[in-house]
């Protein structure tokens, strides 16, 4: 997070946003079907997935996320670009640690 903040000239803003997001999502811990995890992998994009649709926000060096492209992808068959992003998400998810309930 620190390195990305430096690259985007955003300072500690990204760290603060991550902590704030976790604070807002923490009440969902314990809700059936909801999992929250954190990870330390290098991100090349942010992926937001719901069933057979996902949004992929490409990370562009030196560019804040709000100014980077976002692709809305729908699964249209096996082996497409949707599956490539979904597999990337799953790989990062397996390295992530569950957020403990406080």
PDB file of N, CA and C in Angstrom:
ATOM      1  N   UNK A   1       0.819  -1.177   0.000  1.00  0.00           N
ATOM      2  CA  UNK A   1       0.000   0.000   0.000  1.00  0.00           C
ATOM      3  C   UNK A   1       0.870   1.250   0.000  1.00  0.00           C
ATOM      4  N   UNK A   2       1.936   1.204   0.781  1.00  0.00           N
ATOM      5  CA  UNK A   2       2.817   2.383   0.838  1.00  0.00           C
ATOM      6  C   UNK A   2       3.466   2.654  -0.512  1.00  0.00           C
ATOM      7  N   UNK A   3       3.966   1.589  -1.142  1.00  0.00           N
ATOM      8  CA  UNK A   3       4.617   1.770  -2.433  1.00  0.00           C
ATOM      9  C   UNK A   3       3.633   2.314  -3.462  1.00  0.00           C
ATOM     10  N   UNK A   4       2.436   1.771  -3.492  1.00  0.00           N
ATOM     11  CA  UNK A   4       1.439   2.255  -4.440  1.00  0.00           C
ATOM     12  C   UNK A   4       1.093   3.718  -4.161  1.00  0.00           C
ATOM     13  N   UNK A   5       0.983   4.079  -2.897  1.00  0.00           N
ATOM     14  CA  UNK A   5       0.715   5.470  -2.545  1.00  0.00           C
ATOM     15  C   UNK A   5       1.804   6.401  -3.043  1.00  0.00           C
ATOM     16  N   UNK A   6       3.054   5.948  -2.941  1.00  0.00           N
ATOM     17  CA  UNK A   6       4.162   6.751  -3.456  1.00  0.00           C
ATOM     18  C   UNK A   6       4.102   6.860  -4.975  1.00  0.00           C
ATOM     19  N   UNK A   7       3.840   5.739  -5.644  1.00  0.00           N
ATOM     20  CA  UNK A   7       3.797   5.739  -7.101  1.00  0.00           C
ATOM     21  C   UNK A   7       2.683   6.628  -7.635  1.00  0.00           C
ATOM     22  N   UNK A   8       1.559   6.651  -6.938  1.00  0.00           N
ATOM     23  CA  UNK A   8       0.418   7.455  -7.380  1.00  0.00           C
ATOM     24  C   UNK A   8       0.454   8.862  -6.793  1.00  0.00           C
ATOM     25  N   UNK A   9       1.520   9.168  -6.042  1.00  0.00           N
ATOM     26  CA  UNK A   9       1.664  10.471  -5.395  1.00  0.00           C
ATOM     27  C   UNK A   9       0.453  10.782  -4.529  1.00  0.00           C
ATOM     28  N   UNK A  10      -0.021   9.725  -3.825  1.00  0.00           N
ATOM     29  CA  UNK A  10      -1.212   9.832  -2.980  1.00  0.00           C
ATOM     30  C   UNK A  10      -0.848   9.702  -1.508  1.00  0.00           C
ATOM     31  N   UNK A  11       0.429   9.482  -1.234  1.00  0.00           N
ATOM     32  CA  UNK A  11       0.898   9.390   0.146  1.00  0.00           C
ATOM     33  C   UNK A  11       0.240   8.274   0.929  1.00  0.00           C
ATOM     34  N   UNK A  12      -0.175   8.599   2.158  1.00  0.00           N
ATOM     35  CA  UNK A  12      -0.788   7.610   3.049  1.00  0.00           C
ATOM     36  C   UNK A  12      -2.284   7.442   2.790  1.00  0.00           C
ATOM     37  N   UNK A  13      -2.784   8.095   1.765  1.00  0.00           N
ATOM     38  CA  UNK A  13      -4.215   8.039   1.476  1.00  0.00           C
ATOM     39  C   UNK A  13      -4.730   6.644   1.211  1.00  0.00           C
ATOM     40  N   UNK A  14      -3.941   5.839   0.506  1.00  0.00           N
ATOM     41  CA  UNK A  14      -4.386   4.480   0.196  1.00  0.00           C
ATOM     42  C   UNK A  14      -4.456   3.638   1.466  1.00  0.00           C
ATOM     43  N   UNK A  15      -3.452   3.773   2.332  1.00  0.00           N
ATOM     44  CA  UNK A  15      -3.480   3.048   3.601  1.00  0.00           C
ATOM     45  C   UNK A  15      -4.720   3.435   4.396  1.00  0.00           C
ATOM     46  N   UNK A  16      -5.011   4.719   4.447  1.00  0.00           N
ATOM     47  CA  UNK A  16      -6.188   5.198   5.182  1.00  0.00           C
ATOM     48  C   UNK A  16      -7.475   4.656   4.580  1.00  0.00           C
ATOM     49  N   UNK A  17      -7.544   4.628   3.255  1.00  0.00           N
ATOM     50  CA  UNK A  17      -8.750   4.096   2.602  1.00  0.00           C
ATOM     51  C   UNK A  17      -8.938   2.622   2.915  1.00  0.00           C
ATOM     52  N   UNK A  18      -7.851   1.871   2.948  1.00  0.00           N
ATOM     53  CA  UNK A  18      -7.953   0.438   3.265  1.00  0.00           C
ATOM     54  C   UNK A  18      -8.453   0.238   4.689  1.00  0.00           C
ATOM     55  N   UNK A  19      -7.902   0.989   5.626  1.00  0.00           N
ATOM     56  CA  UNK A  19      -8.349   0.883   7.019  1.00  0.00           C
ATOM     57  C   UNK A  19      -9.813   1.298   7.157  1.00  0.00           C
ATOM     58  N   UNK A  20     -10.202   2.348   6.456  1.00  0.00           N
ATOM     59  CA  UNK A  20     -11.583   2.824   6.510  1.00  0.00           C
ATOM     60  C   UNK A  20     -12.543   1.796   5.912  1.00  0.00           C
ATOM     61  N   UNK A  21     -12.156   1.192   4.778  1.00  0.00           N
ATOM     62  CA  UNK A  21     -12.999   0.167   4.161  1.00  0.00           C
ATOM     63  C   UNK A  21     -13.182  -1.008   5.116  1.00  0.00           C
ATOM     64  N   UNK A  22     -12.095  -1.439   5.749  1.00  0.00           N
ATOM     65  CA  UNK A  22     -12.182  -2.552   6.697  1.00  0.00           C
ATOM     66  C   UNK A  22     -13.085  -2.196   7.870  1.00  0.00           C
ATOM     67  N   UNK A  23     -13.004  -0.976   8.335  1.00  0.00           N
ATOM     68  CA  UNK A  23     -13.868  -0.534   9.430  1.00  0.00           C
ATOM     69  C   UNK A  23     -15.342  -0.622   9.022  1.00  0.00           C
ATOM     70  N   UNK A  24     -15.653  -0.214   7.802  1.00  0.00           N
ATOM     71  CA  UNK A  24     -17.050  -0.247   7.345  1.00  0.00           C
ATOM     72  C   UNK A  24     -17.537  -1.671   7.060  1.00  0.00           C
ATOM     73  N   UNK A  25     -16.649  -2.550   6.594  1.00  0.00           N
ATOM     74  CA  UNK A  25     -17.054  -3.921   6.277  1.00  0.00           C
ATOM     75  C   UNK A  25     -17.070  -4.839   7.492  1.00  0.00           C
ATOM     76  N   UNK A  26     -16.338  -4.494   8.546  1.00  0.00           N
ATOM     77  CA  UNK A  26     -16.224  -5.360   9.725  1.00  0.00           C
ATOM     78  C   UNK A  26     -17.582  -5.792  10.295  1.00  0.00           C
ATOM     79  N   UNK A  27     -18.635  -4.945  10.316  1.00  0.00           N
ATOM     80  CA  UNK A  27     -19.935  -5.395  10.841  1.00  0.00           C
ATOM     81  C   UNK A  27     -20.531  -6.568  10.054  1.00  0.00           C
ATOM     82  N   UNK A  28     -20.038  -6.830   8.856  1.00  0.00           N
ATOM     83  CA  UNK A  28     -20.547  -7.949   8.058  1.00  0.00           C
ATOM     84  C   UNK A  28     -19.940  -9.290   8.469  1.00  0.00           C
ATOM     85  N   UNK A  29     -18.881  -9.251   9.284  1.00  0.00           N
ATOM     86  CA  UNK A  29     -18.271 -10.502   9.747  1.00  0.00           C
ATOM     87  C   UNK A  29     -19.310 -11.303  10.523  1.00  0.00           C
ATOM     88  N   UNK A  30     -19.380 -12.569  10.246  1.00  0.00           N
ATOM     89  CA  UNK A  30     -20.349 -13.430  10.905  1.00  0.00           C
ATOM     90  C   UNK A  30     -21.656 -13.563  10.140  1.00  0.00           C
ATOM     91  N   UNK A  31     -21.866 -12.739   9.117  1.00  0.00           N
ATOM     92  CA  UNK A  31     -23.068 -12.857   8.292  1.00  0.00           C
ATOM     93  C   UNK A  31     -22.881 -14.058   7.371  1.00  0.00           C
ATOM     94  N   UNK A  32     -23.829 -14.984   7.325  1.00  0.00           N
ATOM     95  CA  UNK A  32     -23.677 -16.161   6.455  1.00  0.00           C
ATOM     96  C   UNK A  32     -23.399 -15.768   5.001  1.00  0.00           C
ATOM     97  N   UNK A  33     -22.393 -16.399   4.422  1.00  0.00           N
ATOM     98  CA  UNK A  33     -22.046 -16.164   3.027  1.00  0.00           C
ATOM     99  C   UNK A  33     -21.098 -15.000   2.797  1.00  0.00           C
ATOM    100  N   UNK A  34     -20.699 -14.314   3.867  1.00  0.00           N
ATOM    101  CA  UNK A  34     -19.794 -13.170   3.730  1.00  0.00           C
ATOM    102  C   UNK A  34     -18.436 -13.540   4.312  1.00  0.00           C
ATOM    103  N   UNK A  35     -17.387 -13.313   3.532  1.00  0.00           N
ATOM    104  CA  UNK A  35     -16.014 -13.491   4.000  1.00  0.00           C
ATOM    105  C   UNK A  35     -15.243 -12.224   3.694  1.00  0.00           C
ATOM    106  N   UNK A  36     -14.400 -11.812   4.628  1.00  0.00           N
ATOM    107  CA  UNK A  36     -13.532 -10.664   4.418  1.00  0.00           C
ATOM    108  C   UNK A  36     -12.111 -11.137   4.703  1.00  0.00           C
ATOM    109  N   UNK A  37     -11.227 -10.898   3.753  1.00  0.00           N
ATOM    110  CA  UNK A  37      -9.831 -11.306   3.893  1.00  0.00           C
ATOM    111  C   UNK A  37      -8.917 -10.165   3.493  1.00  0.00           C
ATOM    112  N   UNK A  38      -7.691 -10.216   3.999  1.00  0.00           N
ATOM    113  CA  UNK A  38      -6.655  -9.276   3.583  1.00  0.00           C
ATOM    114  C   UNK A  38      -5.483 -10.078   3.033  1.00  0.00           C
ATOM    115  N   UNK A  39      -4.717  -9.443   2.152  1.00  0.00           N
ATOM    116  CA  UNK A  39      -3.585 -10.137   1.535  1.00  0.00           C
ATOM    117  C   UNK A  39      -2.442  -9.167   1.310  1.00  0.00           C
ATOM    118  N   UNK A  40      -1.289  -9.712   1.007  1.00  0.00           N
ATOM    119  CA  UNK A  40      -0.107  -8.892   0.758  1.00  0.00           C
ATOM    120  C   UNK A  40       0.426  -9.054  -0.648  1.00  0.00           C
ATOM    121  N   UNK A  41      -0.384  -9.582  -1.556  1.00  0.00           N
ATOM    122  CA  UNK A  41       0.082  -9.765  -2.932  1.00  0.00           C
ATOM    123  C   UNK A  41       0.153  -8.426  -3.659  1.00  0.00           C
ATOM    124  N   UNK A  42       1.014  -8.364  -4.667  1.00  0.00           N
ATOM    125  CA  UNK A  42       1.085  -7.182  -5.513  1.00  0.00           C
ATOM    126  C   UNK A  42      -0.131  -7.184  -6.421  1.00  0.00           C
ATOM    127  N   UNK A  43      -0.855  -6.079  -6.428  1.00  0.00           N
ATOM    128  CA  UNK A  43      -2.061  -5.999  -7.252  1.00  0.00           C
ATOM    129  C   UNK A  43      -1.774  -5.270  -8.553  1.00  0.00           C
ATOM    130  N   UNK A  44      -2.261  -5.845  -9.618  1.00  0.00           N
ATOM    131  CA  UNK A  44      -2.162  -5.207 -10.928  1.00  0.00           C
ATOM    132  C   UNK A  44      -3.521  -4.675 -11.355  1.00  0.00           C
ATOM    133  N   UNK A  45      -4.554  -5.048 -10.621  1.00  0.00           N
ATOM    134  CA  UNK A  45      -5.904  -4.566 -10.869  1.00  0.00           C
ATOM    135  C   UNK A  45      -6.736  -4.832  -9.621  1.00  0.00           C
ATOM    136  N   UNK A  46      -7.845  -4.151  -9.528  1.00  0.00           N
ATOM    137  CA  UNK A  46      -8.822  -4.431  -8.473  1.00  0.00           C
ATOM    138  C   UNK A  46      -9.991  -5.129  -9.147  1.00  0.00           C
ATOM    139  N   UNK A  47     -10.450  -6.212  -8.537  1.00  0.00           N
ATOM    140  CA  UNK A  47     -11.521  -7.011  -9.133  1.00  0.00           C
ATOM    141  C   UNK A  47     -12.697  -7.033  -8.172  1.00  0.00           C
ATOM    142  N   UNK A  48     -13.862  -6.706  -8.700  1.00  0.00           N
ATOM    143  CA  UNK A  48     -15.111  -6.735  -7.951  1.00  0.00           C
ATOM    144  C   UNK A  48     -16.022  -7.699  -8.684  1.00  0.00           C
ATOM    145  N   UNK A  49     -16.358  -8.809  -8.035  1.00  0.00           N
ATOM    146  CA  UNK A  49     -17.086  -9.869  -8.727  1.00  0.00           C
ATOM    147  C   UNK A  49     -18.408 -10.183  -8.048  1.00  0.00           C
ATOM    148  N   UNK A  50     -19.421 -10.441  -8.870  1.00  0.00           N
ATOM    149  CA  UNK A  50     -20.718 -10.927  -8.413  1.00  0.00           C
ATOM    150  C   UNK A  50     -21.206 -11.928  -9.448  1.00  0.00           C
ATOM    151  N   UNK A  51     -21.225 -13.187  -9.057  1.00  0.00           N
ATOM    152  CA  UNK A  51     -21.688 -14.263  -9.936  1.00  0.00           C
ATOM    153  C   UNK A  51     -20.925 -14.255 -11.261  1.00  0.00           C
ATOM    154  N   UNK A  52     -21.619 -14.072 -12.374  1.00  0.00           N
ATOM    155  CA  UNK A  52     -20.983 -14.139 -13.691  1.00  0.00           C
ATOM    156  C   UNK A  52     -20.671 -12.767 -14.284  1.00  0.00           C
ATOM    157  N   UNK A  53     -20.504 -11.772 -13.416  1.00  0.00           N
ATOM    158  CA  UNK A  53     -20.105 -10.442 -13.865  1.00  0.00           C
ATOM    159  C   UNK A  53     -18.981  -9.950 -12.960  1.00  0.00           C
ATOM    160  N   UNK A  54     -18.098  -9.147 -13.522  1.00  0.00           N
ATOM    161  CA  UNK A  54     -17.066  -8.537 -12.694  1.00  0.00           C
ATOM    162  C   UNK A  54     -16.632  -7.211 -13.285  1.00  0.00           C
ATOM    163  N   UNK A  55     -16.102  -6.377 -12.402  1.00  0.00           N
ATOM    164  CA  UNK A  55     -15.481  -5.125 -12.796  1.00  0.00           C
ATOM    165  C   UNK A  55     -13.998  -5.275 -12.524  1.00  0.00           C
ATOM    166  N   UNK A  56     -13.176  -4.941 -13.505  1.00  0.00           N
ATOM    167  CA  UNK A  56     -11.722  -4.980 -13.349  1.00  0.00           C
ATOM    168  C   UNK A  56     -11.208  -3.563 -13.522  1.00  0.00           C
ATOM    169  N   UNK A  57     -10.639  -3.016 -12.459  1.00  0.00           N
ATOM    170  CA  UNK A  57     -10.060  -1.671 -12.474  1.00  0.00           C
ATOM    171  C   UNK A  57      -8.556  -1.841 -12.648  1.00  0.00           C
ATOM    172  N   UNK A  58      -8.074  -1.529 -13.845  1.00  0.00           N
ATOM    173  CA  UNK A  58      -6.653  -1.701 -14.142  1.00  0.00           C
ATOM    174  C   UNK A  58      -5.823  -0.692 -13.367  1.00  0.00           C
ATOM    175  N   UNK A  59      -4.720  -1.151 -12.760  1.00  0.00           N
ATOM    176  CA  UNK A  59      -3.800  -0.245 -12.102  1.00  0.00           C
ATOM    177  C   UNK A  59      -2.801   0.232 -13.143  1.00  0.00           C
ATOM    178  N   UNK A  60      -2.651   1.520 -13.235  1.00  0.00           N
ATOM    179  CA  UNK A  60      -1.729   2.147 -14.176  1.00  0.00           C
ATOM    180  C   UNK A  60      -0.697   2.898 -13.352  1.00  0.00           C
ATOM    181  N   UNK A  61       0.577   2.601 -13.579  1.00  0.00           N
ATOM    182  CA  UNK A  61       1.627   3.197 -12.757  1.00  0.00           C
ATOM    183  C   UNK A  61       1.525   4.710 -12.778  1.00  0.00           C
ATOM    184  N   UNK A  62       1.524   5.305 -11.576  1.00  0.00           N
ATOM    185  CA  UNK A  62       1.492   6.749 -11.438  1.00  0.00           C
ATOM    186  C   UNK A  62       0.128   7.380 -11.606  1.00  0.00           C
ATOM    187  N   UNK A  63      -0.910   6.557 -11.775  1.00  0.00           N
ATOM    188  CA  UNK A  63      -2.264   7.066 -11.991  1.00  0.00           C
ATOM    189  C   UNK A  63      -3.155   6.591 -10.847  1.00  0.00           C
ATOM    190  N   UNK A  64      -3.908   7.501 -10.248  1.00  0.00           N
ATOM    191  CA  UNK A  64      -4.849   7.103  -9.200  1.00  0.00           C
ATOM    192  C   UNK A  64      -5.931   6.212  -9.796  1.00  0.00           C
ATOM    193  N   UNK A  65      -6.448   5.301  -8.990  1.00  0.00           N
ATOM    194  CA  UNK A  65      -7.416   4.309  -9.470  1.00  0.00           C
ATOM    195  C   UNK A  65      -8.635   4.948 -10.128  1.00  0.00           C
ATOM    196  N   UNK A  66      -9.094   6.078  -9.607  1.00  0.00           N
ATOM    197  CA  UNK A  66     -10.288   6.696 -10.184  1.00  0.00           C
ATOM    198  C   UNK A  66     -10.072   7.149 -11.629  1.00  0.00           C
ATOM    199  N   UNK A  67      -8.817   7.331 -12.036  1.00  0.00           N
ATOM    200  CA  UNK A  67      -8.526   7.788 -13.391  1.00  0.00           C
ATOM    201  C   UNK A  67      -8.104   6.644 -14.316  1.00  0.00           C
ATOM    202  N   UNK A  68      -8.040   5.434 -13.785  1.00  0.00           N
ATOM    203  CA  UNK A  68      -7.630   4.268 -14.574  1.00  0.00           C
ATOM    204  C   UNK A  68      -8.859   3.586 -15.174  1.00  0.00           C
ATOM    205  N   UNK A  69      -8.674   2.832 -16.248  1.00  0.00           N
ATOM    206  CA  UNK A  69      -9.824   2.183 -16.891  1.00  0.00           C
ATOM    207  C   UNK A  69     -10.470   1.105 -16.024  1.00  0.00           C
ATOM    208  N   UNK A  70     -11.778   0.970 -16.208  1.00  0.00           N
ATOM    209  CA  UNK A  70     -12.552  -0.093 -15.560  1.00  0.00           C
ATOM    210  C   UNK A  70     -13.290  -0.843 -16.657  1.00  0.00           C
ATOM    211  N   UNK A  71     -13.140  -2.170 -16.638  1.00  0.00           N
ATOM    212  CA  UNK A  71     -13.833  -3.003 -17.617  1.00  0.00           C
ATOM    213  C   UNK A  71     -14.953  -3.770 -16.928  1.00  0.00           C
ATOM    214  N   UNK A  72     -16.141  -3.771 -17.515  1.00  0.00           N
ATOM    215  CA  UNK A  72     -17.273  -4.555 -17.035  1.00  0.00           C
ATOM    216  C   UNK A  72     -17.304  -5.823 -17.881  1.00  0.00           C
ATOM    217  N   UNK A  73     -17.002  -6.949 -17.257  1.00  0.00           N
ATOM    218  CA  UNK A  73     -16.916  -8.217 -17.969  1.00  0.00           C
ATOM    219  C   UNK A  73     -18.044  -9.143 -17.541  1.00  0.00           C
ATOM    220  N   UNK A  74     -18.548  -9.892 -18.507  1.00  0.00           N
ATOM    221  CA  UNK A  74     -19.566 -10.915 -18.249  1.00  0.00           C
ATOM    222  C   UNK A  74     -19.053 -12.242 -18.775  1.00  0.00           C
ATOM    223  N   UNK A  75     -19.304 -13.294 -18.010  1.00  0.00           N
ATOM    224  CA  UNK A  75     -18.889 -14.621 -18.471  1.00  0.00           C
ATOM    225  C   UNK A  75     -19.729 -14.989 -19.685  1.00  0.00           C
ATOM    226  N   UNK A  76     -19.065 -15.332 -20.773  1.00  0.00           N
ATOM    227  CA  UNK A  76     -19.792 -15.706 -21.995  1.00  0.00           C
ATOM    228  C   UNK A  76     -19.397 -17.100 -22.461  1.00  0.00           C
ATOM    229  N   UNK A  77     -18.649 -17.797 -21.659  1.00  0.00           N
ATOM    230  CA  UNK A  77     -18.208 -19.142 -21.994  1.00  0.00           C
ATOM    231  C   UNK A  77     -16.889 -19.418 -21.301  1.00  0.00           C
ATOM    232  N   UNK A  78     -16.498 -20.652 -21.311  1.00  0.00           N
ATOM    233  CA  UNK A  78     -15.267 -21.044 -20.615  1.00  0.00           C
ATOM    234  C   UNK A  78     -14.035 -20.541 -21.359  1.00  0.00           C
ATOM    235  N   UNK A  79     -13.035 -20.139 -20.564  1.00  0.00           N
ATOM    236  CA  UNK A  79     -11.747 -19.792 -21.132  1.00  0.00           C
ATOM    237  C   UNK A  79     -11.605 -18.374 -21.648  1.00  0.00           C
ATOM    238  N   UNK A  80     -12.595 -17.529 -21.414  1.00  0.00           N
ATOM    239  CA  UNK A  80     -12.518 -16.156 -21.889  1.00  0.00           C
ATOM    240  C   UNK A  80     -11.811 -15.244 -20.902  1.00  0.00           C
ATOM    241  N   UNK A  81     -11.835 -13.958 -21.203  1.00  0.00           N
ATOM    242  CA  UNK A  81     -11.159 -12.978 -20.357  1.00  0.00           C
ATOM    243  C   UNK A  81     -11.780 -12.912 -18.955  1.00  0.00           C
ATOM    244  N   UNK A  82     -13.098 -13.158 -18.851  1.00  0.00           N
ATOM    245  CA  UNK A  82     -13.732 -13.206 -17.534  1.00  0.00           C
ATOM    246  C   UNK A  82     -13.037 -14.252 -16.671  1.00  0.00           C
ATOM    247  N   UNK A  83     -12.837 -15.444 -17.223  1.00  0.00           N
ATOM    248  CA  UNK A  83     -12.197 -16.520 -16.454  1.00  0.00           C
ATOM    249  C   UNK A  83     -10.759 -16.177 -16.080  1.00  0.00           C
ATOM    250  N   UNK A  84     -10.056 -15.460 -16.939  1.00  0.00           N
ATOM    251  CA  UNK A  84      -8.686 -15.045 -16.623  1.00  0.00           C
ATOM    252  C   UNK A  84      -8.672 -14.172 -15.375  1.00  0.00           C
ATOM    253  N   UNK A  85      -9.570 -13.186 -15.320  1.00  0.00           N
ATOM    254  CA  UNK A  85      -9.646 -12.315 -14.145  1.00  0.00           C
ATOM    255  C   UNK A  85     -10.170 -13.070 -12.931  1.00  0.00           C
ATOM    256  N   UNK A  86     -11.142 -13.936 -13.109  1.00  0.00           N
ATOM    257  CA  UNK A  86     -11.682 -14.711 -11.995  1.00  0.00           C
ATOM    258  C   UNK A  86     -10.610 -15.620 -11.392  1.00  0.00           C
ATOM    259  N   UNK A  87      -9.791 -16.236 -12.234  1.00  0.00           N
ATOM    260  CA  UNK A  87      -8.710 -17.093 -11.744  1.00  0.00           C
ATOM    261  C   UNK A  87      -7.662 -16.278 -10.991  1.00  0.00           C
ATOM    262  N   UNK A  88      -7.392 -15.063 -11.463  1.00  0.00           N
ATOM    263  CA  UNK A  88      -6.456 -14.177 -10.770  1.00  0.00           C
ATOM    264  C   UNK A  88      -6.994 -13.834  -9.379  1.00  0.00           C
ATOM    265  N   UNK A  89      -8.286 -13.513  -9.307  1.00  0.00           N
ATOM    266  CA  UNK A  89      -8.913 -13.225  -8.024  1.00  0.00           C
ATOM    267  C   UNK A  89      -8.800 -14.430  -7.094  1.00  0.00           C
ATOM    268  N   UNK A  90      -9.139 -15.611  -7.606  1.00  0.00           N
ATOM    269  CA  UNK A  90      -9.101 -16.829  -6.786  1.00  0.00           C
ATOM    270  C   UNK A  90      -7.694 -17.113  -6.270  1.00  0.00           C
ATOM    271  N   UNK A  91      -6.675 -16.875  -7.103  1.00  0.00           N
ATOM    272  CA  UNK A  91      -5.288 -17.120  -6.688  1.00  0.00           C
ATOM    273  C   UNK A  91      -4.903 -16.182  -5.541  1.00  0.00           C
ATOM    274  N   UNK A  92      -5.268 -14.909  -5.634  1.00  0.00           N
ATOM    275  CA  UNK A  92      -4.970 -13.970  -4.542  1.00  0.00           C
ATOM    276  C   UNK A  92      -5.780 -14.325  -3.297  1.00  0.00           C
ATOM    277  N   UNK A  93      -7.030 -14.737  -3.481  1.00  0.00           N
ATOM    278  CA  UNK A  93      -7.914 -15.081  -2.364  1.00  0.00           C
ATOM    279  C   UNK A  93      -7.332 -16.228  -1.545  1.00  0.00           C
ATOM    280  N   UNK A  94      -6.728 -17.207  -2.218  1.00  0.00           N
ATOM    281  CA  UNK A  94      -6.183 -18.365  -1.473  1.00  0.00           C
ATOM    282  C   UNK A  94      -5.002 -17.973  -0.603  1.00  0.00           C
ATOM    283  N   UNK A  95      -4.307 -16.871  -0.918  1.00  0.00           N
ATOM    284  CA  UNK A  95      -3.183 -16.421  -0.084  1.00  0.00           C
ATOM    285  C   UNK A  95      -3.646 -15.511   1.049  1.00  0.00           C
ATOM    286  N   UNK A  96      -4.901 -15.049   0.978  1.00  0.00           N
ATOM    287  CA  UNK A  96      -5.404 -14.060   1.925  1.00  0.00           C
ATOM    288  C   UNK A  96      -5.753 -14.694   3.268  1.00  0.00           C
ATOM    289  N   UNK A  97      -5.671 -13.882   4.295  1.00  0.00           N
ATOM    290  CA  UNK A  97      -5.988 -14.312   5.653  1.00  0.00           C
ATOM    291  C   UNK A  97      -7.354 -13.730   6.067  1.00  0.00           C
ATOM    292  N   UNK A  98      -8.207 -14.569   6.677  1.00  0.00           N
ATOM    293  CA  UNK A  98      -9.509 -14.050   7.143  1.00  0.00           C
ATOM    294  C   UNK A  98      -9.309 -12.931   8.176  1.00  0.00           C
ATOM    295  N   UNK A  99     -10.152 -11.932   8.097  1.00  0.00           N
ATOM    296  CA  UNK A  99     -10.144 -10.852   9.076  1.00  0.00           C
ATOM    297  C   UNK A  99     -10.826 -11.389  10.341  1.00  0.00           C
ATOM    298  N   UNK A 100     -10.145 -11.299  11.471  1.00  0.00           N
ATOM    299  CA  UNK A 100     -10.752 -11.837  12.701  1.00  0.00           C
ATOM    300  C   UNK A 100     -11.908 -10.968  13.195  1.00  0.00           C
ATOM    301  N   UNK A 101     -12.897 -11.614  13.803  1.00  0.00           N
ATOM    302  CA  UNK A 101     -13.980 -10.873  14.439  1.00  0.00           C
ATOM    303  C   UNK A 101     -13.449 -10.295  15.734  1.00  0.00           C
ATOM    304  N   UNK A 102     -13.799  -9.071  16.002  1.00  0.00           N
ATOM    305  CA  UNK A 102     -13.318  -8.425  17.235  1.00  0.00           C
ATOM    306  C   UNK A 102     -14.404  -8.382  18.278  1.00  0.00           C
TER     307      UNK A 102
END
